[in-house]
């Protein structure tokens, strides 16, 4: 099969020919039709996340068809359309797994990081972390939901009953979450890179009530803020924007160092939370929820062999919505 593989962090992916992976007893083999390109893929490729199993096929927002089923798999069958997320394996035995917190499992393994992912024609996945996809949307429209959607949803849940929500960094996750929040009568405030007029207009077109640079602040205080941009310097700015009792959620797996800030902007029972991965429950809830509140993803498609260009465009802030690699089988 064709695959784009990472041989050394900090270097471009190599277009390789690899054997089609074998399907284990607890796995399914998937013919990959689409795989979205996530900022976490950049962190893996650039070396910000330091424990990949190399050589590695990146990609953890996979949509495809089941073509082989392990003998222990009962709930999935041939030709099912499925999605594969970031969390790819957990031990099932530790304190976290036994307490519905498998996203915190110390033995967890991740798709496109320790497990070969979707920048290829085929991928295998643990059946426990494969979601059936019943939507009428195309494969490439669904692919961003497998991480940008799911991690965004977990971050969104952490804002509780907040009505006015600030989103710092308006990319794939923010454009999905904005649509869900507005349908649930929330008000979205979009914070972007300095003078990123395209992203600001994109947010307004989706229904945000305000958009501007991250250093700016709307006249009204926010109930909560979510940081999708992996920039630690944004956390104090977000804290200053929320009301007493408000929450700031850090949604990325990697973030640059957070600078020192005065206690006064945290005081007043403001809180800071981080999102770690996702749970199966998150996926089940989210895919049920978007049946009631439909999401239209804005995507920019690339051929599999153009994965390096997709990563560079994401790195340069040239993607409006999400980038998706599409296979032509």
Protein backbone atom coordinates (compact mmCIF):
# COMPACT_ATOMS: atom_id res chain seq x y z
CA UNK A 1 0.00 0.00 0.00
CA UNK A 2 0.99 3.65 -0.37
CA UNK A 3 1.82 5.45 2.86
CA UNK A 4 3.36 8.74 3.95
CA UNK A 5 5.77 7.87 6.76
CA UNK A 6 7.75 9.86 9.28
CA UNK A 7 11.29 8.47 9.59
CA UNK A 8 12.83 11.30 11.61
CA UNK A 9 11.14 14.10 13.53
CA UNK A 10 11.79 17.49 12.01
CA UNK A 11 12.01 16.00 8.52
CA UNK A 12 9.41 15.70 5.79
CA UNK A 13 7.30 12.57 5.41
CA UNK A 14 8.54 9.99 2.91
CA UNK A 15 6.24 8.45 0.29
CA UNK A 16 6.75 4.72 0.97
CA UNK A 17 5.37 1.40 -0.18
CA UNK A 18 4.43 -0.74 2.85
CA UNK A 19 2.72 -4.09 3.40
CA UNK A 20 -0.99 -3.85 4.13
CA UNK A 21 -1.21 -4.33 7.93
CA UNK A 22 -2.57 -7.59 9.28
CA UNK A 23 -5.78 -7.56 11.29
CA UNK A 24 -5.42 -8.89 14.85
CA UNK A 25 -8.12 -10.73 16.80
CA UNK A 26 -9.36 -7.54 18.47
CA UNK A 27 -8.89 -5.28 15.48
CA UNK A 28 -10.51 -4.26 12.23
CA UNK A 29 -8.69 -3.50 8.99
CA UNK A 30 -9.95 -0.31 7.38
CA UNK A 31 -9.56 0.92 3.83
CA UNK A 32 -8.83 4.59 4.45
CA UNK A 33 -10.88 6.92 2.29
CA UNK A 34 -10.04 10.17 4.10
CA UNK A 35 -7.83 11.34 6.95
CA UNK A 36 -7.90 14.87 8.29
CA UNK A 37 -4.68 16.70 9.11
CA UNK A 38 -4.54 17.84 12.73
CA UNK A 39 -2.29 20.26 14.55
CA UNK A 40 -1.27 17.32 16.73
CA UNK A 41 0.20 15.76 13.57
CA UNK A 42 2.40 18.85 13.35
CA UNK A 43 3.50 18.39 16.96
CA UNK A 44 4.42 14.77 16.18
CA UNK A 45 6.25 15.57 12.94
CA UNK A 46 8.03 18.65 14.31
CA UNK A 47 9.20 16.93 17.51
CA UNK A 48 7.06 18.74 20.09
CA UNK A 49 5.67 15.33 21.10
CA UNK A 50 8.75 13.26 21.74
CA UNK A 51 7.68 9.60 21.95
CA UNK A 52 6.58 8.47 18.48
CA UNK A 53 7.29 4.92 17.32
CA UNK A 54 9.36 5.49 14.19
CA UNK A 55 9.05 4.94 11.32
CA UNK A 56 5.47 6.10 11.76
CA UNK A 57 2.41 6.65 9.60
CA UNK A 58 0.75 9.78 11.11
CA UNK A 59 -2.93 10.64 11.08
CA UNK A 60 -5.69 10.10 13.63
CA UNK A 61 -8.86 11.45 12.01
CA UNK A 62 -9.59 8.43 9.83
CA UNK A 63 -12.74 7.61 7.89
CA UNK A 64 -13.04 4.46 5.83
CA UNK A 65 -14.68 1.08 5.23
CA UNK A 66 -14.09 -2.11 7.23
CA UNK A 67 -12.49 -4.74 4.96
CA UNK A 68 -11.46 -7.34 7.54
CA UNK A 69 -12.68 -8.17 11.06
CA UNK A 70 -10.81 -9.93 13.87
CA UNK A 71 -12.39 -13.05 15.36
CA UNK A 72 -13.16 -11.35 18.71
CA UNK A 73 -14.97 -8.40 17.10
CA UNK A 74 -18.77 -8.70 17.20
CA UNK A 75 -20.20 -5.18 16.82
CA UNK A 76 -18.55 -4.27 13.50
CA UNK A 77 -18.89 -5.99 10.14
CA UNK A 78 -17.52 -5.83 6.63
CA UNK A 79 -18.31 -2.66 4.66
CA UNK A 80 -19.28 -0.65 7.76
CA UNK A 81 -18.23 2.99 7.42
CA UNK A 82 -16.25 3.87 10.51
CA UNK A 83 -14.08 6.55 12.09
CA UNK A 84 -10.89 6.18 14.09
CA UNK A 85 -9.80 8.83 16.65
CA UNK A 86 -6.59 9.78 18.50
CA UNK A 87 -7.03 7.39 21.44
CA UNK A 88 -6.22 3.97 20.01
CA UNK A 89 -5.63 1.60 22.95
CA UNK A 90 -6.03 1.44 26.74
CA UNK A 91 -5.20 -1.28 29.23
CA UNK A 92 -8.73 -1.68 30.64
CA UNK A 93 -7.34 -2.53 34.09
CA UNK A 94 -5.89 0.60 35.71
CA UNK A 95 -7.65 2.96 38.13
CA UNK A 96 -8.48 5.31 35.26
CA UNK A 97 -9.90 2.68 32.93
CA UNK A 98 -12.00 1.25 35.75
CA UNK A 99 -13.37 4.70 36.59
CA UNK A 100 -14.53 5.74 33.09
CA UNK A 101 -11.39 7.84 32.65
CA UNK A 102 -9.63 5.72 30.04
CA UNK A 103 -8.42 8.94 28.43
CA UNK A 104 -5.95 9.17 31.36
CA UNK A 105 -4.70 5.55 31.14
CA UNK A 106 -0.93 5.43 31.72
CA UNK A 107 -0.61 2.60 29.19
CA UNK A 108 -2.63 4.38 26.48
CA UNK A 109 -1.40 4.28 22.90
CA UNK A 110 -2.38 6.80 20.28
CA UNK A 111 -3.25 6.59 16.60
CA UNK A 112 -0.67 8.26 14.41
CA UNK A 113 1.79 8.42 17.32
CA UNK A 114 2.50 4.95 18.73
CA UNK A 115 0.08 3.22 16.33
CA UNK A 116 0.31 3.68 12.57
CA UNK A 117 -2.42 6.03 11.45
CA UNK A 118 -4.34 7.16 8.41
CA UNK A 119 -1.81 8.78 6.07
CA UNK A 120 -2.02 5.53 4.09
CA UNK A 121 -4.37 3.39 2.04
CA UNK A 122 -5.12 0.99 4.93
CA UNK A 123 -5.00 1.07 8.72
CA UNK A 124 -5.79 -1.33 11.56
CA UNK A 125 -7.53 -0.20 14.73
CA UNK A 126 -8.65 -1.66 18.06
CA UNK A 127 -12.38 -2.26 17.68
CA UNK A 128 -13.06 -0.54 21.02
CA UNK A 129 -11.88 2.74 19.53
CA UNK A 130 -13.71 2.61 16.22
CA UNK A 131 -16.94 4.57 15.81
CA UNK A 132 -19.66 3.60 13.32
CA UNK A 133 -20.54 6.60 11.15
CA UNK A 134 -24.15 6.81 10.01
CA UNK A 135 -24.11 10.35 8.58
CA UNK A 136 -25.00 11.11 4.97
CA UNK A 137 -22.00 13.44 4.74
CA UNK A 138 -18.99 12.52 2.63
CA UNK A 139 -15.93 10.81 4.09
CA UNK A 140 -13.79 13.93 3.78
CA UNK A 141 -16.44 16.07 5.48
CA UNK A 142 -16.64 13.64 8.40
CA UNK A 143 -12.89 13.16 8.92
CA UNK A 144 -12.29 16.38 10.95
CA UNK A 145 -14.96 15.30 13.44
CA UNK A 146 -12.74 12.46 14.66
CA UNK A 147 -10.40 14.79 16.56
CA UNK A 148 -11.23 18.45 16.00
CA UNK A 149 -14.85 17.54 16.68
CA UNK A 150 -14.34 15.11 19.54
CA UNK A 151 -11.65 17.05 21.42
CA UNK A 152 -13.58 20.26 20.81
CA UNK A 153 -16.69 18.62 22.24
CA UNK A 154 -14.86 17.43 25.37
CA UNK A 155 -13.52 20.97 25.89
CA UNK A 156 -17.00 22.38 25.26
CA UNK A 157 -18.51 20.11 27.94
CA UNK A 158 -16.01 21.52 30.44
CA UNK A 159 -17.51 25.00 30.00
CA UNK A 160 -20.70 23.77 31.69
CA UNK A 161 -23.60 26.19 31.40
CA UNK A 162 -21.55 29.04 29.96
CA UNK A 163 -23.52 31.20 27.54
CA UNK A 164 -20.73 33.46 26.24
CA UNK A 165 -17.71 31.43 25.12
CA UNK A 166 -14.43 32.73 23.73
CA UNK A 167 -12.48 30.54 21.29
CA UNK A 168 -8.77 31.35 21.03
CA UNK A 169 -7.48 30.02 17.71
CA UNK A 170 -10.08 29.66 14.98
CA UNK A 171 -9.20 26.51 13.07
CA UNK A 172 -10.73 23.08 12.54
CA UNK A 173 -12.01 22.51 16.10
CA UNK A 174 -13.32 26.05 16.57
CA UNK A 175 -15.29 26.10 13.32
CA UNK A 176 -16.99 22.81 14.29
CA UNK A 177 -17.68 23.86 17.86
CA UNK A 178 -19.05 27.25 16.80
CA UNK A 179 -21.81 25.58 14.80
CA UNK A 180 -22.79 23.29 17.68
CA UNK A 181 -22.72 26.08 20.29
CA UNK A 182 -24.83 28.48 18.23
CA UNK A 183 -27.49 25.82 17.66
CA UNK A 184 -27.59 25.44 21.46
CA UNK A 185 -28.17 29.19 21.92
CA UNK A 186 -24.62 30.05 22.99
CA UNK A 187 -22.73 33.16 21.86
CA UNK A 188 -19.27 32.66 20.36
CA UNK A 189 -16.42 35.18 20.47
CA UNK A 190 -13.54 34.32 18.11
CA UNK A 191 -9.93 35.30 18.87
CA UNK A 192 -7.44 34.87 16.02
CA UNK A 193 -3.85 35.59 15.07
CA UNK A 194 -3.06 39.27 14.68
CA UNK A 195 -4.80 40.74 11.66
CA UNK A 196 -6.01 37.35 10.38
CA UNK A 197 -8.96 38.95 8.61
CA UNK A 198 -9.81 35.73 6.77
CA UNK A 199 -10.27 33.73 9.98
CA UNK A 200 -12.15 36.60 11.62
CA UNK A 201 -14.56 36.84 8.72
CA UNK A 202 -14.93 33.05 8.63
CA UNK A 203 -15.97 33.11 12.30
CA UNK A 204 -18.52 35.84 11.68
CA UNK A 205 -19.89 33.99 8.66
CA UNK A 206 -20.47 30.96 10.90
CA UNK A 207 -22.41 33.09 13.37
CA UNK A 208 -19.88 34.35 15.91
CA UNK A 209 -21.08 37.58 17.51
CA UNK A 210 -17.55 39.04 17.67
CA UNK A 211 -14.12 38.32 16.21
CA UNK A 212 -10.78 40.01 16.63
CA UNK A 213 -7.11 39.62 17.50
CA UNK A 214 -6.20 37.56 20.56
CA UNK A 215 -4.79 40.65 22.26
CA UNK A 216 -8.10 42.46 21.91
CA UNK A 217 -11.08 41.98 24.18
CA UNK A 218 -14.80 42.33 23.50
CA UNK A 219 -16.66 44.84 25.63
CA UNK A 220 -18.58 42.09 27.42
CA UNK A 221 -17.05 39.60 29.85
CA UNK A 222 -17.09 35.93 28.86
CA UNK A 223 -18.41 33.03 30.90
CA UNK A 224 -15.72 30.68 29.58
CA UNK A 225 -12.87 30.46 27.11
CA UNK A 226 -11.32 27.56 25.21
CA UNK A 227 -7.72 27.70 24.00
CA UNK A 228 -7.24 25.78 20.75
CA UNK A 229 -4.10 27.69 19.78
CA UNK A 230 -1.04 26.02 21.44
CA UNK A 231 0.27 29.35 22.73
CA UNK A 232 0.85 29.58 26.48
CA UNK A 233 0.88 33.40 26.39
CA UNK A 234 -2.82 33.31 25.56
CA UNK A 235 -3.80 31.84 28.93
CA UNK A 236 -3.41 35.07 30.93
CA UNK A 237 -5.31 36.92 28.20
CA UNK A 238 -8.11 34.39 28.40
CA UNK A 239 -8.23 34.61 32.19
CA UNK A 240 -8.60 38.38 31.96
CA UNK A 241 -11.55 37.93 29.59
CA UNK A 242 -13.71 35.69 31.81
CA UNK A 243 -16.04 36.60 34.67
CA UNK A 244 -15.47 35.57 38.26
CA UNK A 245 -16.28 31.89 38.51
CA UNK A 246 -15.46 31.45 34.82
CA UNK A 247 -13.32 28.69 33.34
CA UNK A 248 -10.48 28.61 30.82
CA UNK A 249 -10.07 25.26 29.06
CA UNK A 250 -6.76 24.36 27.40
CA UNK A 251 -7.74 21.98 24.61
CA UNK A 252 -4.39 21.15 23.01
CA UNK A 253 -2.12 18.18 23.71
CA UNK A 254 0.90 20.51 23.53
CA UNK A 255 1.30 24.16 24.48
CA UNK A 256 4.24 26.52 24.73
CA UNK A 257 5.22 27.65 28.22
CA UNK A 258 2.71 29.74 30.12
CA UNK A 259 4.24 33.02 31.33
CA UNK A 260 3.95 34.20 34.92
CA UNK A 261 0.77 36.15 35.62
CA UNK A 262 -0.67 37.97 38.65
CA UNK A 263 -2.85 35.95 40.99
CA UNK A 264 -5.50 38.65 40.73
CA UNK A 265 -6.62 37.43 37.28
CA UNK A 266 -7.12 33.88 38.62
CA UNK A 267 -8.70 35.00 41.88
CA UNK A 268 -12.48 35.18 42.05
CA UNK A 269 -12.84 31.41 41.70
CA UNK A 270 -11.78 31.38 38.08
CA UNK A 271 -10.35 28.02 37.06
CA UNK A 272 -8.04 26.56 34.43
CA UNK A 273 -8.56 23.04 33.06
CA UNK A 274 -6.82 20.90 30.47
CA UNK A 275 -8.28 18.37 28.07
CA UNK A 276 -6.49 15.03 27.79
CA UNK A 277 -7.47 12.92 24.80
CA UNK A 278 -11.06 11.64 24.68
CA UNK A 279 -13.22 8.81 25.98
CA UNK A 280 -15.45 6.40 24.09
CA UNK A 281 -18.38 8.08 25.82
CA UNK A 282 -17.35 11.42 24.28
CA UNK A 283 -17.52 9.84 20.84
CA UNK A 284 -20.84 8.15 21.42
CA UNK A 285 -22.38 11.35 22.79
CA UNK A 286 -20.97 13.57 20.07
CA UNK A 287 -22.08 11.47 17.13
CA UNK A 288 -25.57 11.22 18.60
CA UNK A 289 -25.66 14.96 19.28
CA UNK A 290 -24.80 16.01 15.74
CA UNK A 291 -27.79 14.06 14.46
CA UNK A 292 -29.85 16.71 16.27
CA UNK A 293 -27.46 19.61 15.63
CA UNK A 294 -25.87 19.05 12.18
CA UNK A 295 -22.31 20.20 11.54
CA UNK A 296 -21.00 21.27 8.13
CA UNK A 297 -17.23 21.07 8.01
CA UNK A 298 -15.24 23.44 5.83
CA UNK A 299 -12.49 21.32 4.26
CA UNK A 300 -9.55 21.73 1.93
CA UNK A 301 -8.65 18.40 0.31
CA UNK A 302 -5.23 17.07 -0.71
CA UNK A 303 -4.03 13.87 -2.31
CA UNK A 304 -2.31 11.43 0.04
CA UNK A 305 1.08 12.07 -1.57
CA UNK A 306 0.64 15.82 -0.91
CA UNK A 307 0.59 15.34 2.88
CA UNK A 308 3.74 17.43 3.36
CA UNK A 309 2.08 20.37 1.61
CA UNK A 310 -1.02 20.00 3.77
CA UNK A 311 1.12 20.03 6.92
CA UNK A 312 3.02 23.10 5.72
CA UNK A 313 -0.19 24.95 4.87
CA UNK A 314 -1.50 24.18 8.36
CA UNK A 315 1.80 25.31 9.88
CA UNK A 316 1.57 28.58 7.96
CA UNK A 317 -2.05 29.25 8.92
CA UNK A 318 -3.26 28.87 5.34
CA UNK A 319 -6.14 26.46 6.07
CA UNK A 320 -9.67 27.77 6.49
CA UNK A 321 -11.46 25.03 8.38
CA UNK A 322 -9.67 21.67 8.10
CA UNK A 323 -7.22 19.98 5.75
CA UNK A 324 -8.09 16.44 4.65
CA UNK A 325 -6.07 13.82 2.75
CA UNK A 326 -8.24 11.88 0.31
CA UNK A 327 -7.42 8.47 -1.16
CA UNK A 328 -8.38 7.57 -4.71
CA UNK A 329 -8.67 3.79 -4.54
